[in-house]
């Protein structure tokens, strides 16, 4: 179905607003991916605060024109899906990594994060890093374990001192 010029302009304005507040962008080729998989993927993206959209390449050219993501223009070839991370830059990478494990047809073209253009290999390495929520959780676990271990050591020292004083 063809979009009218008014519809195209509204889509461009809507996505430009999202671009302004996005932290990273992932571009991928979705050739051969089934509709039911895409529906599931969109639901997961919404839950993780990721704006996921399949758009025509001409619209994508116009959307990124004059933004910090303008260097991505050369990657808009073929059926393209674009994911904008709104909360944590690694969220979209982790989502794509999860689907890359399940869907072999998905091909990640590039990632633009922190004013840097990253290739597929760098994206794979970056996907191993913990997200913000995971990092906070790891720190809390470490602090909890350290405090419990310190408490146990104090108790053991008290027991050791009492046992030595009794003898």
C-alpha atoms as a PDB file:
ATOM      1  CA  UNK A   1       0.000   0.000   0.000  1.00  0.00           C
ATOM      2  CA  UNK A   2       1.357   3.391  -0.971  1.00  0.00           C
ATOM      3  CA  UNK A   3       1.612   6.102   1.628  1.00  0.00           C
ATOM      4  CA  UNK A   4       0.396   9.608   0.933  1.00  0.00           C
ATOM      5  CA  UNK A   5       2.793  12.527   1.260  1.00  0.00           C
ATOM      6  CA  UNK A   6       1.056  13.606   4.484  1.00  0.00           C
ATOM      7  CA  UNK A   7       1.530  10.128   5.963  1.00  0.00           C
ATOM      8  CA  UNK A   8       5.198  10.111   4.972  1.00  0.00           C
ATOM      9  CA  UNK A   9       5.748  13.549   6.526  1.00  0.00           C
ATOM     10  CA  UNK A  10       4.097  12.462   9.772  1.00  0.00           C
ATOM     11  CA  UNK A  11       6.248   9.295   9.888  1.00  0.00           C
ATOM     12  CA  UNK A  12       9.387  11.361   9.301  1.00  0.00           C
ATOM     13  CA  UNK A  13       8.474  13.815  12.084  1.00  0.00           C
ATOM     14  CA  UNK A  14       7.583  10.991  14.484  1.00  0.00           C
ATOM     15  CA  UNK A  15      10.863   9.168  13.959  1.00  0.00           C
ATOM     16  CA  UNK A  16      12.961  12.353  14.037  1.00  0.00           C
ATOM     17  CA  UNK A  17      11.597  12.953  17.556  1.00  0.00           C
ATOM     18  CA  UNK A  18      12.652   9.443  18.516  1.00  0.00           C
ATOM     19  CA  UNK A  19      16.088   9.941  16.951  1.00  0.00           C
ATOM     20  CA  UNK A  20      16.640  13.011  19.126  1.00  0.00           C
ATOM     21  CA  UNK A  21      16.225  11.008  22.328  1.00  0.00           C
ATOM     22  CA  UNK A  22      17.744   7.709  21.159  1.00  0.00           C
ATOM     23  CA  UNK A  23      21.067   6.491  22.519  1.00  0.00           C
ATOM     24  CA  UNK A  24      21.988   4.041  19.770  1.00  0.00           C
ATOM     25  CA  UNK A  25      20.719   2.722  16.442  1.00  0.00           C
ATOM     26  CA  UNK A  26      21.016  -0.784  15.033  1.00  0.00           C
ATOM     27  CA  UNK A  27      20.363  -1.429  11.331  1.00  0.00           C
ATOM     28  CA  UNK A  28      19.682  -4.972  10.118  1.00  0.00           C
ATOM     29  CA  UNK A  29      18.572  -6.871   7.032  1.00  0.00           C
ATOM     30  CA  UNK A  30      15.338  -8.814   7.595  1.00  0.00           C
ATOM     31  CA  UNK A  31      15.130 -10.776   4.351  1.00  0.00           C
ATOM     32  CA  UNK A  32      13.316 -14.073   4.853  1.00  0.00           C
ATOM     33  CA  UNK A  33      12.067 -13.471   8.397  1.00  0.00           C
ATOM     34  CA  UNK A  34       8.467 -14.561   8.952  1.00  0.00           C
ATOM     35  CA  UNK A  35       5.678 -12.269  10.141  1.00  0.00           C
ATOM     36  CA  UNK A  36       4.957 -14.188  13.356  1.00  0.00           C
ATOM     37  CA  UNK A  37       8.620 -13.878  14.355  1.00  0.00           C
ATOM     38  CA  UNK A  38       8.527 -10.132  13.656  1.00  0.00           C
ATOM     39  CA  UNK A  39       5.377  -9.746  15.773  1.00  0.00           C
ATOM     40  CA  UNK A  40       7.060 -11.478  18.705  1.00  0.00           C
ATOM     41  CA  UNK A  41      10.161  -9.358  18.155  1.00  0.00           C
ATOM     42  CA  UNK A  42       8.145  -6.119  18.192  1.00  0.00           C
ATOM     43  CA  UNK A  43       6.485  -7.110  21.466  1.00  0.00           C
ATOM     44  CA  UNK A  44       9.877  -7.739  23.086  1.00  0.00           C
ATOM     45  CA  UNK A  45      11.170  -4.433  21.741  1.00  0.00           C
ATOM     46  CA  UNK A  46       8.247  -2.517  23.284  1.00  0.00           C
ATOM     47  CA  UNK A  47       8.856  -4.225  26.639  1.00  0.00           C
ATOM     48  CA  UNK A  48      12.537  -3.190  26.526  1.00  0.00           C
ATOM     49  CA  UNK A  49      11.937   0.446  25.518  1.00  0.00           C
ATOM     50  CA  UNK A  50      13.253  -0.055  21.994  1.00  0.00           C
ATOM     51  CA  UNK A  51      11.609   1.611  19.020  1.00  0.00           C
ATOM     52  CA  UNK A  52      11.635  -0.963  16.217  1.00  0.00           C
ATOM     53  CA  UNK A  53      10.488  -0.061  12.726  1.00  0.00           C
ATOM     54  CA  UNK A  54      10.627  -1.449   9.197  1.00  0.00           C
ATOM     55  CA  UNK A  55      10.675   1.419   6.706  1.00  0.00           C
ATOM     56  CA  UNK A  56      11.327   2.055   3.066  1.00  0.00           C
ATOM     57  CA  UNK A  57      14.886   3.090   2.346  1.00  0.00           C
ATOM     58  CA  UNK A  58      13.861   6.420   0.787  1.00  0.00           C
ATOM     59  CA  UNK A  59      12.039   7.348   3.990  1.00  0.00           C
ATOM     60  CA  UNK A  60      15.055   6.326   6.048  1.00  0.00           C
ATOM     61  CA  UNK A  61      17.288   8.553   3.896  1.00  0.00           C
ATOM     62  CA  UNK A  62      15.030  11.522   4.619  1.00  0.00           C
ATOM     63  CA  UNK A  63      14.727  10.694   8.311  1.00  0.00           C
ATOM     64  CA  UNK A  64      18.470  10.565   9.046  1.00  0.00           C
ATOM     65  CA  UNK A  65      19.290  13.551   6.844  1.00  0.00           C
ATOM     66  CA  UNK A  66      20.733  16.309   9.028  1.00  0.00           C
ATOM     67  CA  UNK A  67      20.953  14.125  12.159  1.00  0.00           C
ATOM     68  CA  UNK A  68      23.865  12.482  13.938  1.00  0.00           C
ATOM     69  CA  UNK A  69      22.908   9.213  12.195  1.00  0.00           C
ATOM     70  CA  UNK A  70      23.421  10.540   8.665  1.00  0.00           C
ATOM     71  CA  UNK A  71      26.447   8.274   8.153  1.00  0.00           C
ATOM     72  CA  UNK A  72      24.075   5.265   8.171  1.00  0.00           C
ATOM     73  CA  UNK A  73      22.635   6.188   4.752  1.00  0.00           C
ATOM     74  CA  UNK A  74      24.905   3.787   2.892  1.00  0.00           C
ATOM     75  CA  UNK A  75      23.559   0.865   4.975  1.00  0.00           C
ATOM     76  CA  UNK A  76      19.918   1.348   3.913  1.00  0.00           C
ATOM     77  CA  UNK A  77      19.910  -1.282   1.162  1.00  0.00           C
ATOM     78  CA  UNK A  78      17.268  -3.975   0.836  1.00  0.00           C
ATOM     79  CA  UNK A  79      14.613  -4.806   3.449  1.00  0.00           C
ATOM     80  CA  UNK A  80      15.808  -2.863   6.466  1.00  0.00           C
ATOM     81  CA  UNK A  81      14.741  -2.775  10.089  1.00  0.00           C
ATOM     82  CA  UNK A  82      15.945  -0.015  12.389  1.00  0.00           C
ATOM     83  CA  UNK A  83      15.996  -0.204  16.199  1.00  0.00           C
ATOM     84  CA  UNK A  84      16.428   2.891  18.358  1.00  0.00           C
ATOM     85  CA  UNK A  85      17.410   2.299  22.007  1.00  0.00           C
ATOM     86  CA  UNK A  86      15.674   4.795  24.240  1.00  0.00           C
ATOM     87  CA  UNK A  87      16.795   3.697  27.719  1.00  0.00           C
ATOM     88  CA  UNK A  88      20.126   1.855  27.525  1.00  0.00           C
ATOM     89  CA  UNK A  89      22.368   1.782  24.430  1.00  0.00           C
ATOM     90  CA  UNK A  90      22.969  -1.942  24.774  1.00  0.00           C
ATOM     91  CA  UNK A  91      19.279  -2.898  24.862  1.00  0.00           C
ATOM     92  CA  UNK A  92      18.828  -3.022  21.098  1.00  0.00           C
ATOM     93  CA  UNK A  93      22.110  -4.880  20.656  1.00  0.00           C
ATOM     94  CA  UNK A  94      21.039  -7.525  23.156  1.00  0.00           C
ATOM     95  CA  UNK A  95      17.649  -7.862  21.444  1.00  0.00           C
ATOM     96  CA  UNK A  96      19.280  -8.344  18.044  1.00  0.00           C
ATOM     97  CA  UNK A  97      21.818 -10.785  19.524  1.00  0.00           C
ATOM     98  CA  UNK A  98      18.996 -12.861  20.996  1.00  0.00           C
ATOM     99  CA  UNK A  99      17.221 -13.029  17.658  1.00  0.00           C
ATOM    100  CA  UNK A 100      20.459 -13.661  15.811  1.00  0.00           C
ATOM    101  CA  UNK A 101      20.844 -16.828  17.883  1.00  0.00           C
ATOM    102  CA  UNK A 102      17.296 -17.929  16.934  1.00  0.00           C
ATOM    103  CA  UNK A 103      17.010 -16.580  13.368  1.00  0.00           C
ATOM    104  CA  UNK A 104      20.003 -17.354  11.175  1.00  0.00           C
ATOM    105  CA  UNK A 105      18.551 -15.242   8.329  1.00  0.00           C
ATOM    106  CA  UNK A 106      18.902 -11.994  10.274  1.00  0.00           C
ATOM    107  CA  UNK A 107      21.980  -9.970   9.323  1.00  0.00           C
ATOM    108  CA  UNK A 108      23.065  -7.032  11.459  1.00  0.00           C
ATOM    109  CA  UNK A 109      24.464  -4.366   9.156  1.00  0.00           C
ATOM    110  CA  UNK A 110      25.783  -1.854  11.667  1.00  0.00           C
ATOM    111  CA  UNK A 111      25.429  -0.055  14.970  1.00  0.00           C
ATOM    112  CA  UNK A 112      25.825   3.634  15.612  1.00  0.00           C
ATOM    113  CA  UNK A 113      26.567   4.353  19.260  1.00  0.00           C
ATOM    114  CA  UNK A 114      28.302   7.231  21.041  1.00  0.00           C
ATOM    115  CA  UNK A 115      29.123   8.967  17.728  1.00  0.00           C
ATOM    116  CA  UNK A 116      30.902   5.823  16.519  1.00  0.00           C
ATOM    117  CA  UNK A 117      30.052   3.463  13.702  1.00  0.00           C
ATOM    118  CA  UNK A 118      30.575  -0.168  14.737  1.00  0.00           C
ATOM    119  CA  UNK A 119      30.849  -3.234  12.521  1.00  0.00           C
ATOM    120  CA  UNK A 120      29.231  -6.640  13.077  1.00  0.00           C
ATOM    121  CA  UNK A 121      32.297  -8.042  14.882  1.00  0.00           C
ATOM    122  CA  UNK A 122      32.425  -5.104  17.293  1.00  0.00           C
ATOM    123  CA  UNK A 123      28.681  -5.431  17.889  1.00  0.00           C
ATOM    124  CA  UNK A 124      29.141  -9.078  18.874  1.00  0.00           C
ATOM    125  CA  UNK A 125      31.844  -8.111  21.394  1.00  0.00           C
ATOM    126  CA  UNK A 126      29.697  -5.283  22.751  1.00  0.00           C
ATOM    127  CA  UNK A 127      26.718  -7.616  23.187  1.00  0.00           C
ATOM    128  CA  UNK A 128      28.668  -9.523  25.838  1.00  0.00           C
ATOM    129  CA  UNK A 129      28.756  -6.473  28.133  1.00  0.00           C
ATOM    130  CA  UNK A 130      26.070  -6.312  30.819  1.00  0.00           C
ATOM    131  CA  UNK A 131      23.242  -3.844  30.355  1.00  0.00           C
ATOM    132  CA  UNK A 132      22.652  -1.093  32.914  1.00  0.00           C
ATOM    133  CA  UNK A 133      20.162  -3.176  34.912  1.00  0.00           C
ATOM    134  CA  UNK A 134      22.441  -6.225  34.834  1.00  0.00           C
ATOM    135  CA  UNK A 135      25.449  -4.145  35.953  1.00  0.00           C
ATOM    136  CA  UNK A 136      23.526  -2.652  38.885  1.00  0.00           C
ATOM    137  CA  UNK A 137      22.359  -6.124  39.886  1.00  0.00           C
ATOM    138  CA  UNK A 138      25.931  -7.492  39.738  1.00  0.00           C
ATOM    139  CA  UNK A 139      27.213  -4.643  41.908  1.00  0.00           C
ATOM    140  CA  UNK A 140      24.461  -5.243  44.472  1.00  0.00           C
ATOM    141  CA  UNK A 141      25.245  -8.959  44.570  1.00  0.00           C
ATOM    142  CA  UNK A 142      28.953  -8.265  45.049  1.00  0.00           C
ATOM    143  CA  UNK A 143      28.273  -5.741  47.826  1.00  0.00           C
ATOM    144  CA  UNK A 144      25.893  -8.159  49.516  1.00  0.00           C
ATOM    145  CA  UNK A 145      28.378 -11.037  49.342  1.00  0.00           C
ATOM    146  CA  UNK A 146      31.250  -8.877  50.566  1.00  0.00           C
ATOM    147  CA  UNK A 147      29.249  -7.645  53.556  1.00  0.00           C
ATOM    148  CA  UNK A 148      28.034 -11.162  54.433  1.00  0.00           C
ATOM    149  CA  UNK A 149      31.546 -12.595  54.132  1.00  0.00           C
ATOM    150  CA  UNK A 150      32.934  -9.786  56.309  1.00  0.00           C
ATOM    151  CA  UNK A 151      30.234 -10.445  58.902  1.00  0.00           C
ATOM    152  CA  UNK A 152      31.013 -14.169  58.893  1.00  0.00           C
ATOM    153  CA  UNK A 153      34.742 -13.447  59.316  1.00  0.00           C
ATOM    154  CA  UNK A 154      33.989 -11.204  62.309  1.00  0.00           C
ATOM    155  CA  UNK A 155      31.839 -13.929  63.875  1.00  0.00           C
ATOM    156  CA  UNK A 156      34.537 -16.539  63.258  1.00  0.00           C
ATOM    157  CA  UNK A 157      37.162 -14.274  64.850  1.00  0.00           C
ATOM    158  CA  UNK A 158      34.930 -13.753  67.892  1.00  0.00           C
ATOM    159  CA  UNK A 159      34.449 -17.510  68.197  1.00  0.00           C
ATOM    160  CA  UNK A 160      38.193 -18.082  67.807  1.00  0.00           C
ATOM    161  CA  UNK A 161      39.009 -15.491  70.494  1.00  0.00           C
ATOM    162  CA  UNK A 162      36.421 -16.946  72.890  1.00  0.00           C
ATOM    163  CA  UNK A 163      37.724 -20.467  72.311  1.00  0.00           C
ATOM    164  CA  UNK A 164      41.315 -19.354  72.966  1.00  0.00           C
ATOM    165  CA  UNK A 165      40.322 -17.473  76.163  1.00  0.00           C
ATOM    166  CA  UNK A 166      38.428 -20.493  77.517  1.00  0.00           C
ATOM    167  CA  UNK A 167      41.438 -22.794  77.120  1.00  0.00           C
END
